[in-house]
Amino acid sequence: MSEPKEKDKLHTGELYLPGDEEIMKEQAVYQDLLCEYNQTRPSQTEKRAQMLKEMLGDCGEGVYIEAPFYSNWGGHHCHFGDYVYANYLLTCVDDTHIYVGDHTMFGPNVTIATAGHPILPPLRDKAYQYNMPVHIGRNCWIGAGAVIMPGVTIGDNTVIGAGSIVTKDIPENVVAVGNPCRVMRKVNEHDRKFYFRDREIPQEILKENGL
């Protein structure tokens, strides 16, 4: 039985060498597409939508990513559900898979990282790497400047505060903030009445949405 190639280790969590010639050759194809995407004009919405379907591993209906968008594999290992929105400067270190549920929103300058490097200095000296997938649930809001680390899962309907560093799993239906990111509270009755500080949600909006 032949030895596995470095490319075979992208999605297994094993240590591998990302500078492998086969990996870099394939990666460059997707990065070229990403470069083209980032040169599109804001008015070219149809072209952007078509390009995202070509670039992303999975692209649901209504996915919109503001340019510039940065990604190690040009989004090839990103799997986005329906109506995912990402503001400017989303960075997906998608050396392995990133899964994002329907209606999730990203503020500007969010980083989702799947790649890591061993702590042992001699292995880093040789540029060894490992990859762990990230799962982000449905209807999440990831605040500006948040960083989501390899192997993390974030549950449905959860809000991650701006600037948070998410190093461990976060459950569903909570507000979580900080460095490291921790659960602050559950989504509660207060959130049914107020949308920002003392500003109340208009009754007509609640009625329109069956709330």
N, C-alpha and C. Protein backbone atom coordinates (compact mmCIF):
# COMPACT_ATOMS: atom_id res chain seq x y z
N MET A 1 0.85 -1.20 0.00
CA MET A 1 0.00 0.00 0.00
C MET A 1 0.89 1.25 0.00
N SER A 2 0.61 2.19 -0.91
CA SER A 2 1.46 3.36 -1.04
C SER A 2 1.21 4.35 0.09
N GLU A 3 2.24 5.15 0.37
CA GLU A 3 2.13 6.18 1.40
C GLU A 3 1.12 7.25 0.97
N PRO A 4 0.31 7.77 1.91
CA PRO A 4 -0.63 8.82 1.53
C PRO A 4 0.10 10.09 1.10
N LYS A 5 -0.46 10.78 0.11
CA LYS A 5 0.12 12.03 -0.33
C LYS A 5 -0.18 13.13 0.68
N GLU A 6 0.59 14.20 0.62
CA GLU A 6 0.33 15.33 1.52
C GLU A 6 -1.09 15.86 1.33
N LYS A 7 -1.56 15.89 0.09
CA LYS A 7 -2.91 16.37 -0.20
C LYS A 7 -3.97 15.53 0.50
N ASP A 8 -3.70 14.23 0.69
CA ASP A 8 -4.67 13.34 1.32
C ASP A 8 -4.88 13.69 2.80
N LYS A 9 -3.99 14.49 3.38
CA LYS A 9 -4.05 14.81 4.81
C LYS A 9 -4.75 16.14 5.11
N LEU A 10 -5.19 16.83 4.05
CA LEU A 10 -5.84 18.13 4.25
C LEU A 10 -7.03 18.04 5.19
N HIS A 11 -7.80 16.98 5.07
CA HIS A 11 -9.08 16.89 5.79
C HIS A 11 -9.10 15.80 6.86
N THR A 12 -7.94 15.30 7.24
CA THR A 12 -7.88 14.22 8.23
C THR A 12 -7.41 14.67 9.61
N GLY A 13 -6.94 15.91 9.72
CA GLY A 13 -6.38 16.39 10.98
C GLY A 13 -4.94 15.98 11.21
N GLU A 14 -4.34 15.28 10.25
CA GLU A 14 -2.95 14.84 10.39
C GLU A 14 -1.99 15.99 10.07
N LEU A 15 -0.77 15.87 10.57
CA LEU A 15 0.27 16.82 10.19
C LEU A 15 0.66 16.59 8.74
N TYR A 16 0.86 17.69 8.02
CA TYR A 16 1.27 17.59 6.61
C TYR A 16 2.07 18.83 6.25
N LEU A 17 2.62 18.84 5.04
CA LEU A 17 3.43 19.95 4.55
C LEU A 17 2.66 20.72 3.48
N PRO A 18 2.16 21.91 3.80
CA PRO A 18 1.31 22.66 2.85
C PRO A 18 2.07 23.18 1.64
N GLY A 19 3.37 23.20 1.70
CA GLY A 19 4.15 23.65 0.56
C GLY A 19 4.35 22.59 -0.51
N ASP A 20 3.68 21.44 -0.35
CA ASP A 20 3.76 20.36 -1.34
C ASP A 20 3.37 20.89 -2.72
N GLU A 21 4.11 20.48 -3.74
CA GLU A 21 3.91 21.01 -5.09
C GLU A 21 2.50 20.74 -5.62
N GLU A 22 1.97 19.54 -5.39
CA GLU A 22 0.63 19.20 -5.87
C GLU A 22 -0.43 20.09 -5.21
N ILE A 23 -0.29 20.31 -3.91
CA ILE A 23 -1.23 21.16 -3.18
C ILE A 23 -1.20 22.58 -3.71
N MET A 24 0.00 23.12 -3.85
CA MET A 24 0.13 24.52 -4.26
C MET A 24 -0.37 24.75 -5.69
N LYS A 25 -0.18 23.77 -6.55
CA LYS A 25 -0.64 23.90 -7.92
C LYS A 25 -2.17 23.96 -7.98
N GLU A 26 -2.84 23.10 -7.23
CA GLU A 26 -4.31 23.11 -7.22
C GLU A 26 -4.84 24.35 -6.51
N GLN A 27 -4.21 24.71 -5.42
CA GLN A 27 -4.63 25.88 -4.65
C GLN A 27 -4.59 27.16 -5.49
N ALA A 28 -3.58 27.27 -6.34
CA ALA A 28 -3.42 28.47 -7.16
C ALA A 28 -4.58 28.68 -8.12
N VAL A 29 -5.19 27.59 -8.58
CA VAL A 29 -6.34 27.68 -9.49
C VAL A 29 -7.49 28.41 -8.80
N TYR A 30 -7.78 28.02 -7.56
CA TYR A 30 -8.89 28.63 -6.82
C TYR A 30 -8.55 30.05 -6.37
N GLN A 31 -7.29 30.29 -6.04
CA GLN A 31 -6.90 31.64 -5.65
C GLN A 31 -6.99 32.62 -6.82
N ASP A 32 -6.73 32.13 -8.03
CA ASP A 32 -6.89 32.98 -9.21
C ASP A 32 -8.35 33.41 -9.39
N LEU A 33 -9.29 32.47 -9.15
CA LEU A 33 -10.70 32.81 -9.23
C LEU A 33 -11.07 33.85 -8.18
N LEU A 34 -10.53 33.69 -6.98
CA LEU A 34 -10.80 34.64 -5.91
C LEU A 34 -10.26 36.02 -6.27
N CYS A 35 -9.09 36.07 -6.86
CA CYS A 35 -8.52 37.34 -7.29
C CYS A 35 -9.44 38.03 -8.29
N GLU A 36 -10.00 37.26 -9.21
CA GLU A 36 -10.93 37.81 -10.19
C GLU A 36 -12.19 38.32 -9.50
N TYR A 37 -12.70 37.57 -8.53
CA TYR A 37 -13.89 37.99 -7.78
C TYR A 37 -13.66 39.35 -7.11
N ASN A 38 -12.49 39.50 -6.51
CA ASN A 38 -12.19 40.73 -5.78
C ASN A 38 -11.99 41.94 -6.69
N GLN A 39 -11.88 41.71 -7.98
CA GLN A 39 -11.74 42.81 -8.93
C GLN A 39 -13.07 43.18 -9.58
N THR A 40 -14.15 42.49 -9.22
CA THR A 40 -15.46 42.84 -9.76
C THR A 40 -15.96 44.15 -9.13
N ARG A 41 -16.86 44.81 -9.85
CA ARG A 41 -17.46 46.04 -9.35
C ARG A 41 -18.69 45.72 -8.50
N PRO A 42 -19.02 46.59 -7.54
CA PRO A 42 -20.21 46.37 -6.73
C PRO A 42 -21.49 46.23 -7.55
N SER A 43 -21.56 46.88 -8.71
CA SER A 43 -22.75 46.79 -9.55
C SER A 43 -22.87 45.46 -10.27
N GLN A 44 -21.82 44.65 -10.27
CA GLN A 44 -21.84 43.38 -11.00
C GLN A 44 -22.37 42.25 -10.10
N THR A 45 -23.57 42.45 -9.59
CA THR A 45 -24.12 41.51 -8.62
C THR A 45 -24.37 40.13 -9.23
N GLU A 46 -24.83 40.08 -10.46
CA GLU A 46 -25.10 38.79 -11.10
C GLU A 46 -23.81 38.03 -11.34
N LYS A 47 -22.78 38.74 -11.77
CA LYS A 47 -21.48 38.09 -11.98
C LYS A 47 -20.92 37.57 -10.68
N ARG A 48 -21.03 38.36 -9.62
CA ARG A 48 -20.54 37.91 -8.32
C ARG A 48 -21.28 36.66 -7.86
N ALA A 49 -22.60 36.66 -8.01
CA ALA A 49 -23.39 35.50 -7.59
C ALA A 49 -22.98 34.25 -8.35
N GLN A 50 -22.75 34.38 -9.65
CA GLN A 50 -22.34 33.24 -10.45
C GLN A 50 -20.95 32.77 -10.06
N MET A 51 -20.06 33.70 -9.81
CA MET A 51 -18.70 33.33 -9.42
C MET A 51 -18.67 32.62 -8.09
N LEU A 52 -19.50 33.05 -7.14
CA LEU A 52 -19.54 32.38 -5.84
C LEU A 52 -19.99 30.93 -5.98
N LYS A 53 -20.92 30.68 -6.89
CA LYS A 53 -21.36 29.30 -7.11
C LYS A 53 -20.24 28.44 -7.70
N GLU A 54 -19.35 29.07 -8.46
CA GLU A 54 -18.21 28.37 -9.02
C GLU A 54 -17.09 28.19 -8.00
N MET A 55 -16.93 29.18 -7.12
CA MET A 55 -15.81 29.20 -6.19
C MET A 55 -16.04 28.36 -4.94
N LEU A 56 -17.22 28.50 -4.33
CA LEU A 56 -17.48 27.87 -3.04
C LEU A 56 -17.74 26.38 -3.18
N GLY A 57 -17.39 25.63 -2.15
CA GLY A 57 -17.68 24.21 -2.14
C GLY A 57 -19.17 23.95 -2.22
N ASP A 58 -19.95 24.74 -1.47
CA ASP A 58 -21.41 24.75 -1.58
C ASP A 58 -21.85 26.19 -1.41
N CYS A 59 -22.80 26.62 -2.26
CA CYS A 59 -23.28 28.00 -2.22
C CYS A 59 -24.79 27.99 -2.33
N GLY A 60 -25.47 28.33 -1.24
CA GLY A 60 -26.92 28.36 -1.25
C GLY A 60 -27.47 29.56 -1.98
N GLU A 61 -28.78 29.68 -1.98
CA GLU A 61 -29.44 30.82 -2.61
C GLU A 61 -29.16 32.10 -1.82
N GLY A 62 -28.97 33.19 -2.54
CA GLY A 62 -28.86 34.49 -1.90
C GLY A 62 -27.59 34.73 -1.12
N VAL A 63 -26.56 33.93 -1.32
CA VAL A 63 -25.28 34.17 -0.63
C VAL A 63 -24.65 35.44 -1.20
N TYR A 64 -24.18 36.33 -0.31
CA TYR A 64 -23.53 37.56 -0.77
C TYR A 64 -22.30 37.82 0.09
N ILE A 65 -21.17 37.98 -0.56
CA ILE A 65 -19.91 38.26 0.13
C ILE A 65 -19.33 39.54 -0.45
N GLU A 66 -19.20 40.55 0.39
CA GLU A 66 -18.61 41.81 -0.06
C GLU A 66 -17.14 41.58 -0.42
N ALA A 67 -16.69 42.22 -1.47
CA ALA A 67 -15.27 42.20 -1.81
C ALA A 67 -14.57 43.37 -1.09
N PRO A 68 -13.34 43.16 -0.60
CA PRO A 68 -12.53 41.96 -0.80
C PRO A 68 -12.86 40.84 0.18
N PHE A 69 -12.73 39.63 -0.34
CA PHE A 69 -12.91 38.37 0.39
C PHE A 69 -11.59 37.62 0.25
N TYR A 70 -11.09 37.11 1.36
CA TYR A 70 -9.81 36.40 1.33
C TYR A 70 -9.99 34.96 1.79
N SER A 71 -9.32 34.05 1.11
CA SER A 71 -9.49 32.63 1.43
C SER A 71 -8.30 31.84 0.90
N ASN A 72 -7.76 30.96 1.74
CA ASN A 72 -6.59 30.16 1.34
C ASN A 72 -6.85 29.33 0.08
N TRP A 73 -8.06 28.78 0.00
CA TRP A 73 -8.42 27.94 -1.14
C TRP A 73 -9.52 28.59 -1.99
N GLY A 74 -9.58 29.91 -1.96
CA GLY A 74 -10.55 30.62 -2.79
C GLY A 74 -11.99 30.28 -2.47
N GLY A 75 -12.24 29.78 -1.25
CA GLY A 75 -13.59 29.38 -0.86
C GLY A 75 -13.95 27.97 -1.27
N HIS A 76 -13.02 27.24 -1.85
CA HIS A 76 -13.31 25.89 -2.36
C HIS A 76 -13.74 24.93 -1.25
N HIS A 77 -13.28 25.16 -0.04
CA HIS A 77 -13.65 24.31 1.09
C HIS A 77 -14.67 24.97 2.02
N CYS A 78 -15.33 26.03 1.52
CA CYS A 78 -16.38 26.70 2.28
C CYS A 78 -17.75 26.21 1.82
N HIS A 79 -18.62 25.92 2.77
CA HIS A 79 -19.95 25.38 2.47
C HIS A 79 -20.98 26.31 3.13
N PHE A 80 -21.58 27.21 2.35
CA PHE A 80 -22.48 28.23 2.85
C PHE A 80 -23.92 27.89 2.49
N GLY A 81 -24.80 27.97 3.50
CA GLY A 81 -26.22 27.75 3.28
C GLY A 81 -26.88 28.94 2.60
N ASP A 82 -28.21 28.99 2.64
CA ASP A 82 -28.96 30.05 1.97
C ASP A 82 -28.83 31.38 2.72
N TYR A 83 -28.74 32.47 1.95
CA TYR A 83 -28.79 33.84 2.45
C TYR A 83 -27.74 34.14 3.52
N VAL A 84 -26.57 33.57 3.34
CA VAL A 84 -25.42 33.95 4.17
C VAL A 84 -24.89 35.29 3.66
N TYR A 85 -24.62 36.21 4.58
CA TYR A 85 -24.08 37.51 4.20
C TYR A 85 -22.77 37.74 4.94
N ALA A 86 -21.76 38.18 4.20
CA ALA A 86 -20.47 38.53 4.80
C ALA A 86 -20.08 39.94 4.40
N ASN A 87 -19.79 40.76 5.38
CA ASN A 87 -19.33 42.12 5.14
C ASN A 87 -17.87 42.09 4.68
N TYR A 88 -17.29 43.28 4.47
CA TYR A 88 -15.94 43.39 3.92
C TYR A 88 -14.90 42.64 4.75
N LEU A 89 -13.90 42.10 4.03
CA LEU A 89 -12.70 41.52 4.63
C LEU A 89 -12.97 40.24 5.41
N LEU A 90 -13.93 39.44 4.97
CA LEU A 90 -14.04 38.10 5.53
C LEU A 90 -12.81 37.30 5.08
N THR A 91 -12.15 36.66 6.05
CA THR A 91 -11.00 35.81 5.76
C THR A 91 -11.32 34.39 6.19
N CYS A 92 -11.32 33.49 5.23
CA CYS A 92 -11.57 32.07 5.50
C CYS A 92 -10.28 31.29 5.24
N VAL A 93 -9.64 30.87 6.30
CA VAL A 93 -8.45 30.02 6.16
C VAL A 93 -8.98 28.60 5.97
N ASP A 94 -9.42 28.33 4.73
CA ASP A 94 -10.19 27.11 4.46
C ASP A 94 -9.30 25.98 3.93
N ASP A 95 -8.24 25.69 4.66
CA ASP A 95 -7.41 24.55 4.26
C ASP A 95 -8.15 23.23 4.45
N THR A 96 -9.15 23.24 5.34
CA THR A 96 -10.15 22.17 5.38
C THR A 96 -11.52 22.84 5.45
N HIS A 97 -12.56 22.08 5.73
CA HIS A 97 -13.93 22.55 5.50
C HIS A 97 -14.43 23.54 6.56
N ILE A 98 -15.17 24.54 6.07
CA ILE A 98 -15.88 25.51 6.90
C ILE A 98 -17.36 25.41 6.51
N TYR A 99 -18.22 25.14 7.49
CA TYR A 99 -19.65 24.98 7.24
C TYR A 99 -20.40 26.13 7.92
N VAL A 100 -21.26 26.81 7.15
CA VAL A 100 -22.03 27.95 7.67
C VAL A 100 -23.50 27.76 7.32
N GLY A 101 -24.37 27.85 8.33
CA GLY A 101 -25.79 27.60 8.13
C GLY A 101 -26.53 28.78 7.52
N ASP A 102 -27.79 28.53 7.14
CA ASP A 102 -28.64 29.53 6.49
C ASP A 102 -28.77 30.80 7.34
N HIS A 103 -28.83 31.95 6.66
CA HIS A 103 -29.15 33.25 7.26
C HIS A 103 -28.11 33.74 8.27
N THR A 104 -26.94 33.16 8.28
CA THR A 104 -25.88 33.64 9.17
C THR A 104 -25.22 34.88 8.56
N MET A 105 -24.86 35.83 9.43
CA MET A 105 -24.25 37.09 8.99
C MET A 105 -22.89 37.27 9.65
N PHE A 106 -21.96 37.82 8.87
CA PHE A 106 -20.63 38.14 9.37
C PHE A 106 -20.40 39.64 9.28
N GLY A 107 -19.98 40.26 10.38
CA GLY A 107 -19.56 41.65 10.34
C GLY A 107 -18.23 41.78 9.60
N PRO A 108 -17.76 43.02 9.43
CA PRO A 108 -16.50 43.22 8.72
C PRO A 108 -15.30 42.65 9.48
N ASN A 109 -14.31 42.21 8.70
CA ASN A 109 -13.01 41.81 9.23
C ASN A 109 -13.08 40.59 10.16
N VAL A 110 -13.93 39.64 9.83
CA VAL A 110 -14.02 38.38 10.58
C VAL A 110 -13.03 37.38 9.98
N THR A 111 -12.39 36.60 10.84
CA THR A 111 -11.48 35.54 10.41
C THR A 111 -11.99 34.19 10.90
N ILE A 112 -12.09 33.23 9.98
CA ILE A 112 -12.42 31.84 10.33
C ILE A 112 -11.21 31.00 9.94
N ALA A 113 -10.55 30.42 10.93
CA ALA A 113 -9.31 29.68 10.67
C ALA A 113 -9.51 28.19 10.92
N THR A 114 -9.10 27.37 9.95
CA THR A 114 -9.11 25.92 10.17
C THR A 114 -7.70 25.37 10.34
N ALA A 115 -6.69 26.16 10.02
CA ALA A 115 -5.31 25.68 10.01
C ALA A 115 -4.60 26.00 11.32
N GLY A 116 -3.76 25.07 11.75
CA GLY A 116 -2.93 25.28 12.94
C GLY A 116 -1.54 24.71 12.70
N HIS A 117 -0.65 25.04 13.61
CA HIS A 117 0.72 24.56 13.53
C HIS A 117 1.14 24.00 14.88
N PRO A 118 1.97 22.95 14.91
CA PRO A 118 2.36 22.34 16.18
C PRO A 118 3.15 23.31 17.05
N ILE A 119 3.02 23.16 18.36
CA ILE A 119 3.75 23.99 19.31
C ILE A 119 5.24 23.65 19.28
N LEU A 120 5.57 22.39 19.01
CA LEU A 120 6.97 21.95 19.04
C LEU A 120 7.78 22.71 17.98
N PRO A 121 8.76 23.53 18.40
CA PRO A 121 9.47 24.40 17.46
C PRO A 121 10.11 23.70 16.26
N PRO A 122 10.78 22.54 16.41
CA PRO A 122 11.41 21.92 15.24
C PRO A 122 10.41 21.56 14.13
N LEU A 123 9.16 21.23 14.50
CA LEU A 123 8.16 20.91 13.49
C LEU A 123 7.67 22.16 12.78
N ARG A 124 7.55 23.26 13.54
CA ARG A 124 7.18 24.52 12.88
C ARG A 124 8.30 24.99 11.96
N ASP A 125 9.52 24.71 12.35
CA ASP A 125 10.66 25.08 11.51
C ASP A 125 10.58 24.41 10.14
N LYS A 126 9.95 23.24 10.10
CA LYS A 126 9.76 22.52 8.84
C LYS A 126 8.44 22.87 8.17
N ALA A 127 7.65 23.77 8.79
CA ALA A 127 6.38 24.29 8.25
C ALA A 127 5.26 23.26 8.28
N TYR A 128 5.29 22.31 9.23
CA TYR A 128 4.18 21.37 9.35
C TYR A 128 2.90 22.10 9.75
N GLN A 129 1.79 21.57 9.31
CA GLN A 129 0.47 22.15 9.55
C GLN A 129 -0.54 21.04 9.77
N TYR A 130 -1.64 21.38 10.45
CA TYR A 130 -2.79 20.48 10.55
C TYR A 130 -4.04 21.33 10.39
N ASN A 131 -5.15 20.69 10.01
CA ASN A 131 -6.40 21.42 9.76
C ASN A 131 -7.56 20.77 10.51
N MET A 132 -8.39 21.58 11.13
CA MET A 132 -9.58 21.12 11.83
C MET A 132 -10.80 21.91 11.36
N PRO A 133 -11.89 21.24 10.99
CA PRO A 133 -13.05 21.95 10.42
C PRO A 133 -13.75 22.86 11.42
N VAL A 134 -14.44 23.86 10.89
CA VAL A 134 -15.24 24.79 11.69
C VAL A 134 -16.70 24.66 11.27
N HIS A 135 -17.60 24.63 12.24
CA HIS A 135 -19.04 24.56 11.98
C HIS A 135 -19.72 25.76 12.64
N ILE A 136 -20.43 26.55 11.85
CA ILE A 136 -21.19 27.69 12.35
C ILE A 136 -22.65 27.46 11.99
N GLY A 137 -23.52 27.58 12.97
CA GLY A 137 -24.92 27.18 12.79
C GLY A 137 -25.75 28.15 11.99
N ARG A 138 -27.03 27.90 12.03
CA ARG A 138 -28.02 28.70 11.30
C ARG A 138 -28.35 29.98 12.05
N ASN A 139 -28.52 31.08 11.31
CA ASN A 139 -29.02 32.34 11.86
C ASN A 139 -28.12 32.89 12.97
N CYS A 140 -26.82 32.73 12.80
CA CYS A 140 -25.86 33.31 13.73
C CYS A 140 -25.46 34.71 13.26
N TRP A 141 -24.99 35.49 14.19
CA TRP A 141 -24.44 36.81 13.88
C TRP A 141 -23.05 36.85 14.49
N ILE A 142 -22.05 36.96 13.61
CA ILE A 142 -20.66 36.99 14.05
C ILE A 142 -20.19 38.43 13.94
N GLY A 143 -19.90 39.07 15.08
CA GLY A 143 -19.60 40.50 15.10
C GLY A 143 -18.26 40.86 14.49
N ALA A 144 -18.10 42.13 14.19
CA ALA A 144 -16.92 42.65 13.51
C ALA A 144 -15.64 42.27 14.25
N GLY A 145 -14.65 41.83 13.48
CA GLY A 145 -13.34 41.55 14.04
C GLY A 145 -13.23 40.28 14.84
N ALA A 146 -14.26 39.44 14.85
CA ALA A 146 -14.20 38.18 15.58
C ALA A 146 -13.24 37.21 14.88
N VAL A 147 -12.61 36.36 15.67
CA VAL A 147 -11.71 35.33 15.16
C VAL A 147 -12.21 33.98 15.66
N ILE A 148 -12.45 33.06 14.73
CA ILE A 148 -12.96 31.73 15.08
C ILE A 148 -11.85 30.73 14.78
N MET A 149 -11.44 30.01 15.79
CA MET A 149 -10.24 29.17 15.71
C MET A 149 -10.57 27.75 15.20
N PRO A 150 -9.54 26.99 14.80
CA PRO A 150 -9.76 25.65 14.24
C PRO A 150 -10.53 24.72 15.18
N GLY A 151 -11.43 23.95 14.57
CA GLY A 151 -12.16 22.92 15.30
C GLY A 151 -13.37 23.38 16.08
N VAL A 152 -13.70 24.68 16.01
CA VAL A 152 -14.78 25.25 16.81
C VAL A 152 -16.14 24.98 16.15
N THR A 153 -17.15 24.74 17.00
CA THR A 153 -18.55 24.67 16.57
C THR A 153 -19.35 25.75 17.29
N ILE A 154 -20.14 26.52 16.55
CA ILE A 154 -21.02 27.54 17.12
C ILE A 154 -22.46 27.15 16.80
N GLY A 155 -23.31 27.10 17.84
CA GLY A 155 -24.67 26.63 17.67
C GLY A 155 -25.58 27.63 16.99
N ASP A 156 -26.78 27.15 16.59
CA ASP A 156 -27.78 27.97 15.90
C ASP A 156 -28.19 29.19 16.73
N ASN A 157 -28.49 30.29 16.04
CA ASN A 157 -29.08 31.50 16.63
C ASN A 157 -28.17 32.23 17.61
N THR A 158 -26.90 31.91 17.63
CA THR A 158 -25.98 32.51 18.59
C THR A 158 -25.35 33.78 18.03
N VAL A 159 -25.10 34.73 18.93
CA VAL A 159 -24.42 35.99 18.59
C VAL A 159 -23.03 35.96 19.21
N ILE A 160 -22.02 36.22 18.38
CA ILE A 160 -20.64 36.34 18.85
C ILE A 160 -20.27 37.82 18.81
N GLY A 161 -19.92 38.38 19.97
CA GLY A 161 -19.65 39.81 20.06
C GLY A 161 -18.43 40.24 19.27
N ALA A 162 -18.41 41.51 18.87
CA ALA A 162 -17.31 42.06 18.09
C ALA A 162 -15.99 41.88 18.83
N GLY A 163 -14.95 41.50 18.08
CA GLY A 163 -13.62 41.37 18.64
C GLY A 163 -13.37 40.12 19.44
N SER A 164 -14.34 39.21 19.50
CA SER A 164 -14.18 37.99 20.29
C SER A 164 -13.21 37.02 19.62
N ILE A 165 -12.51 36.25 20.45
CA ILE A 165 -11.63 35.18 19.98
C ILE A 165 -12.24 33.87 20.43
N VAL A 166 -12.80 33.12 19.47
CA VAL A 166 -13.57 31.92 19.81
C VAL A 166 -12.64 30.72 19.73
N THR A 167 -12.26 30.20 20.89
CA THR A 167 -11.31 29.09 20.97
C THR A 167 -11.97 27.76 21.29
N LYS A 168 -13.21 27.81 21.80
CA LYS A 168 -13.93 26.59 22.18
C LYS A 168 -15.37 26.65 21.65
N ASP A 169 -16.04 25.51 21.65
CA ASP A 169 -17.42 25.44 21.16
C ASP A 169 -18.32 26.39 21.96
N ILE A 170 -19.28 27.00 21.24
CA ILE A 170 -20.28 27.88 21.85
C ILE A 170 -21.65 27.28 21.54
N PRO A 171 -22.53 27.14 22.55
CA PRO A 171 -23.83 26.50 22.31
C PRO A 171 -24.79 27.39 21.53
N GLU A 172 -25.95 26.86 21.23
CA GLU A 172 -26.97 27.61 20.49
C GLU A 172 -27.71 28.58 21.41
N ASN A 173 -28.33 29.60 20.79
CA ASN A 173 -29.24 30.53 21.47
C ASN A 173 -28.59 31.28 22.63
N VAL A 174 -27.33 31.75 22.41
CA VAL A 174 -26.67 32.52 23.45
C VAL A 174 -25.99 33.73 22.83
N VAL A 175 -25.63 34.68 23.70
CA VAL A 175 -24.75 35.78 23.35
C VAL A 175 -23.41 35.48 24.02
N ALA A 176 -22.33 35.45 23.24
CA ALA A 176 -21.01 35.13 23.76
C ALA A 176 -20.02 36.19 23.33
N VAL A 177 -19.14 36.59 24.24
CA VAL A 177 -18.20 37.68 23.95
C VAL A 177 -16.86 37.40 24.64
N GLY A 178 -15.83 38.13 24.20
CA GLY A 178 -14.59 38.18 24.93
C GLY A 178 -13.43 37.42 24.33
N ASN A 179 -12.29 37.52 25.01
CA ASN A 179 -11.06 36.83 24.62
C ASN A 179 -10.46 36.19 25.86
N PRO A 180 -10.63 34.85 25.98
CA PRO A 180 -11.33 33.96 25.05
C PRO A 180 -12.84 34.16 25.15
N CYS A 181 -13.55 33.83 24.08
CA CYS A 181 -15.00 34.02 24.02
C CYS A 181 -15.71 33.11 25.01
N ARG A 182 -16.61 33.70 25.81
CA ARG A 182 -17.40 32.94 26.80
C ARG A 182 -18.87 33.35 26.68
N VAL A 183 -19.73 32.45 27.08
CA VAL A 183 -21.17 32.73 27.07
C VAL A 183 -21.47 33.80 28.11
N MET A 184 -22.10 34.89 27.68
CA MET A 184 -22.50 35.96 28.59
C MET A 184 -23.90 35.72 29.12
N ARG A 185 -24.82 35.31 28.21
CA ARG A 185 -26.20 35.05 28.62
C ARG A 185 -26.92 34.33 27.49
N LYS A 186 -28.09 33.83 27.81
CA LYS A 186 -28.96 33.24 26.80
C LYS A 186 -29.76 34.34 26.09
N VAL A 187 -30.19 34.06 24.87
CA VAL A 187 -31.17 34.92 24.21
C VAL A 187 -32.44 34.83 25.04
N ASN A 188 -33.01 35.99 25.45
CA ASN A 188 -34.08 35.96 26.44
C ASN A 188 -35.24 36.90 26.09
N GLU A 189 -36.16 37.08 27.06
CA GLU A 189 -37.35 37.90 26.84
C GLU A 189 -37.01 39.36 26.57
N HIS A 190 -35.91 39.83 27.16
CA HIS A 190 -35.48 41.21 26.91
C HIS A 190 -35.24 41.43 25.42
N ASP A 191 -34.71 40.42 24.75
CA ASP A 191 -34.40 40.53 23.32
C ASP A 191 -35.66 40.53 22.47
N ARG A 192 -36.79 40.09 23.04
CA ARG A 192 -38.06 40.13 22.32
C ARG A 192 -38.66 41.54 22.31
N LYS A 193 -38.15 42.40 23.20
CA LYS A 193 -38.70 43.75 23.31
C LYS A 193 -37.75 44.81 22.76
N PHE A 194 -36.44 44.65 23.01
CA PHE A 194 -35.46 45.67 22.63
C PHE A 194 -34.49 45.13 21.59
N TYR A 195 -34.14 45.97 20.61
CA TYR A 195 -33.16 45.56 19.61
C TYR A 195 -31.81 46.23 19.82
N PHE A 196 -31.77 47.38 20.53
CA PHE A 196 -30.52 48.05 20.85
C PHE A 196 -30.73 48.94 22.06
N ARG A 197 -30.07 48.59 23.17
CA ARG A 197 -30.20 49.34 24.41
C ARG A 197 -31.66 49.56 24.76
N ASP A 198 -32.13 50.84 24.80
CA ASP A 198 -33.52 51.09 25.19
C ASP A 198 -34.45 51.26 24.00
N ARG A 199 -33.99 50.90 22.81
CA ARG A 199 -34.82 51.05 21.62
C ARG A 199 -35.70 49.81 21.44
N GLU A 200 -37.01 50.04 21.48
CA GLU A 200 -37.95 48.92 21.38
C GLU A 200 -38.19 48.51 19.94
N ILE A 201 -38.41 47.23 19.76
CA ILE A 201 -38.78 46.71 18.44
C ILE A 201 -40.21 47.16 18.15
N PRO A 202 -40.45 47.83 17.02
CA PRO A 202 -41.82 48.28 16.71
C PRO A 202 -42.80 47.11 16.68
N GLN A 203 -44.00 47.35 17.21
CA GLN A 203 -45.00 46.30 17.29
C GLN A 203 -45.38 45.77 15.92
N GLU A 204 -45.38 46.64 14.91
CA GLU A 204 -45.77 46.18 13.58
C GLU A 204 -44.76 45.18 13.03
N ILE A 205 -43.49 45.36 13.36
CA ILE A 205 -42.47 44.41 12.91
C ILE A 205 -42.65 43.06 13.62
N LEU A 206 -42.94 43.11 14.92
CA LEU A 206 -43.20 41.88 15.65
C LEU A 206 -44.40 41.13 15.05
N LYS A 207 -45.47 41.88 14.75
CA LYS A 207 -46.68 41.25 14.20
C LYS A 207 -46.41 40.66 12.82
N GLU A 208 -45.69 41.42 11.99
CA GLU A 208 -45.39 40.94 10.64
C GLU A 208 -44.62 39.62 10.66
N ASN A 209 -43.85 39.41 11.70
CA ASN A 209 -43.01 38.23 11.78
C ASN A 209 -43.55 37.18 12.75
N GLY A 210 -44.82 37.35 13.17
CA GLY A 210 -45.47 36.37 14.01
C GLY A 210 -44.87 36.24 15.39
N LEU A 211 -44.39 37.36 15.95
CA LEU A 211 -43.71 37.32 17.26
C LEU A 211 -44.53 38.05 18.33
